[in-house]
Protein backbone atom coordinates (compact mmCIF):
# COMPACT_ATOMS: atom_id res chain seq x y z
CA UNK A 1 115.25 131.46 135.54
CA UNK A 2 112.06 132.39 133.69
CA UNK A 3 114.05 133.33 130.58
CA UNK A 4 115.69 129.91 130.58
CA UNK A 5 112.29 128.21 130.68
CA UNK A 6 111.06 130.33 127.77
CA UNK A 7 114.15 129.41 125.71
CA UNK A 8 113.67 125.71 126.52
CA UNK A 9 109.99 125.93 125.54
CA UNK A 10 110.89 127.53 122.21
CA UNK A 11 113.54 124.88 121.54
CA UNK A 12 111.07 122.13 122.39
CA UNK A 13 108.51 123.65 120.02
CA UNK A 14 111.05 123.88 117.18
CA UNK A 15 112.22 120.30 117.80
CA UNK A 16 108.62 119.08 117.72
CA UNK A 17 107.96 120.82 114.41
CA UNK A 18 111.17 119.43 112.90
CA UNK A 19 110.40 115.88 114.02
CA UNK A 20 106.87 115.94 112.62
CA UNK A 21 108.15 117.22 109.25
CA UNK A 22 111.06 114.78 108.85
CA UNK A 23 109.00 112.34 106.79
CA UNK A 24 107.88 115.12 104.47
CA UNK A 25 111.46 116.35 104.05
CA UNK A 26 112.85 112.87 103.28
CA UNK A 27 109.88 112.01 101.05
CA UNK A 28 110.69 114.99 98.86
CA UNK A 29 114.35 113.96 98.75
CA UNK A 30 113.42 110.43 97.66
CA UNK A 31 111.20 111.72 94.86
CA UNK A 32 113.98 114.07 93.73
CA UNK A 33 116.46 111.19 93.72
CA UNK A 34 114.16 109.05 91.58
CA UNK A 35 113.53 111.93 89.20
CA UNK A 36 117.25 112.60 88.84
CA UNK A 37 117.90 108.94 88.02
CA UNK A 38 115.16 108.58 85.38
CA UNK A 39 115.82 111.93 83.70
CA UNK A 40 119.61 112.29 83.91
CA UNK A 41 121.73 109.54 85.48
CA UNK A 42 120.79 106.70 83.14
CA UNK A 43 120.54 108.84 80.00
CA UNK A 44 124.23 108.58 79.00
CA UNK A 45 124.52 104.78 79.44
CA UNK A 46 121.33 104.23 77.42
CA UNK A 47 122.50 106.61 74.69
CA UNK A 48 125.89 104.89 74.47
CA UNK A 49 124.18 101.49 74.31
CA UNK A 50 121.95 102.74 71.47
CA UNK A 51 125.00 103.98 69.52
CA UNK A 52 126.76 100.63 69.81
CA UNK A 53 123.73 98.43 69.30
CA UNK A 54 121.71 100.47 66.82
CA UNK A 55 118.83 101.09 69.23
CA UNK A 56 117.74 101.05 72.84
CA UNK A 57 117.22 97.76 74.71
CA UNK A 58 113.82 96.18 74.17
CA UNK A 59 111.28 96.13 76.97
CA UNK A 60 112.06 92.43 77.49
CA UNK A 61 115.82 93.08 77.73
CA UNK A 62 115.24 96.02 80.05
CA UNK A 63 117.94 97.94 81.87
CA UNK A 64 119.78 94.68 82.55
CA UNK A 65 121.09 94.94 78.96
CA UNK A 66 123.33 97.76 80.21
CA UNK A 67 125.07 95.36 82.60
CA UNK A 68 125.09 92.03 80.74
CA UNK A 69 124.89 91.49 76.97
CA UNK A 70 121.62 90.28 75.50
CA UNK A 71 122.10 86.70 74.25
CA UNK A 72 121.46 87.48 70.59
CA UNK A 73 123.51 90.71 70.50
CA UNK A 74 126.69 89.85 72.39
CA UNK A 75 128.89 90.38 69.29
CA UNK A 76 128.06 94.12 69.15
CA UNK A 77 127.84 94.76 72.90
CA UNK A 78 130.73 96.89 74.24
CA UNK A 79 129.62 97.18 77.85
CA UNK A 80 129.06 97.11 80.66
CA UNK A 81 127.48 100.51 80.27
CA UNK A 82 126.70 100.65 83.99
CA UNK A 83 129.13 99.31 86.58
CA UNK A 84 127.81 96.83 89.12
CA UNK A 85 124.07 96.44 88.96
CA UNK A 86 121.12 98.67 88.14
CA UNK A 87 120.13 100.44 91.37
CA UNK A 88 116.69 100.14 92.89
CA UNK A 89 114.53 103.21 93.30
CA UNK A 90 114.59 105.03 96.69
CA UNK A 91 111.72 102.81 97.92
CA UNK A 92 113.59 99.56 97.16
CA UNK A 93 111.63 98.71 93.99
CA UNK A 94 113.08 98.17 90.50
CA UNK A 95 112.82 101.00 88.00
CA UNK A 96 110.35 100.30 85.17
CA UNK A 97 111.50 100.49 81.54
CA UNK A 98 109.71 100.30 78.19
CA UNK A 99 110.93 100.69 74.62
CA UNK A 100 109.30 101.99 72.55
CA UNK A 101 107.82 104.32 75.10
CA UNK A 102 104.18 105.18 75.59
CA UNK A 103 104.97 108.73 76.70
CA UNK A 104 108.16 109.14 74.62
CA UNK A 105 107.04 107.76 71.25
CA UNK A 106 110.51 107.94 69.63
CA UNK A 107 112.45 106.88 72.70
CA UNK A 108 112.14 104.97 75.94
CA UNK A 109 110.04 105.40 79.05
CA UNK A 110 111.79 104.99 82.39
CA UNK A 111 109.97 105.45 85.66
CA UNK A 112 109.66 104.67 89.34
CA UNK A 113 106.29 103.72 90.74
CA UNK A 114 106.94 106.04 93.69
CA UNK A 115 106.28 105.34 97.36
CA UNK A 116 104.22 102.18 98.02
CA UNK A 117 101.85 104.03 100.35
CA UNK A 118 101.04 106.60 97.66
CA UNK A 119 101.97 105.27 94.19
CA UNK A 120 102.70 108.01 91.71
CA UNK A 121 104.79 107.46 88.59
CA UNK A 122 108.00 109.49 88.49
CA UNK A 123 109.07 109.26 84.86
CA UNK A 124 111.43 110.64 82.26
CA UNK A 125 108.59 112.29 80.37
CA UNK A 126 107.25 115.80 80.57
CA UNK A 127 104.01 115.68 82.56
CA UNK A 128 102.44 118.60 80.66
CA UNK A 129 103.17 117.01 77.28
CA UNK A 130 101.95 113.61 78.48
CA UNK A 131 98.67 115.15 79.57
CA UNK A 132 98.28 116.91 76.23
CA UNK A 133 98.69 120.34 77.77
CA UNK A 134 100.58 122.97 75.79
CA UNK A 135 103.47 124.65 77.50
């Protein structure tokens, strides 16, 4: 009987630790999802758009140019480059886009503002290079 109580106490302890760390586990997954989107998932559609159109969408056109043709460029547009609509970041906010980029001088900047309770840009740039630190 005593052994059973010890096993139950250990299980309760492990369950308590797991429950208290769930937010940390999912928070890391959300940041990884945002990073995957800004660095990899949208890269091919933007590159294909730039080949067809002669450049990336302007900041004003934004990522919506991958779904619907910009009014003044509809003759060259061969999209949609993304099916459906542009997804929101893991925190339900729109991804931010700028061309030309501040961090990527010859390309575009794409980023998520991160979790609302602790904003931290998750972008398609290299943090060390953006900070001026040599690799």
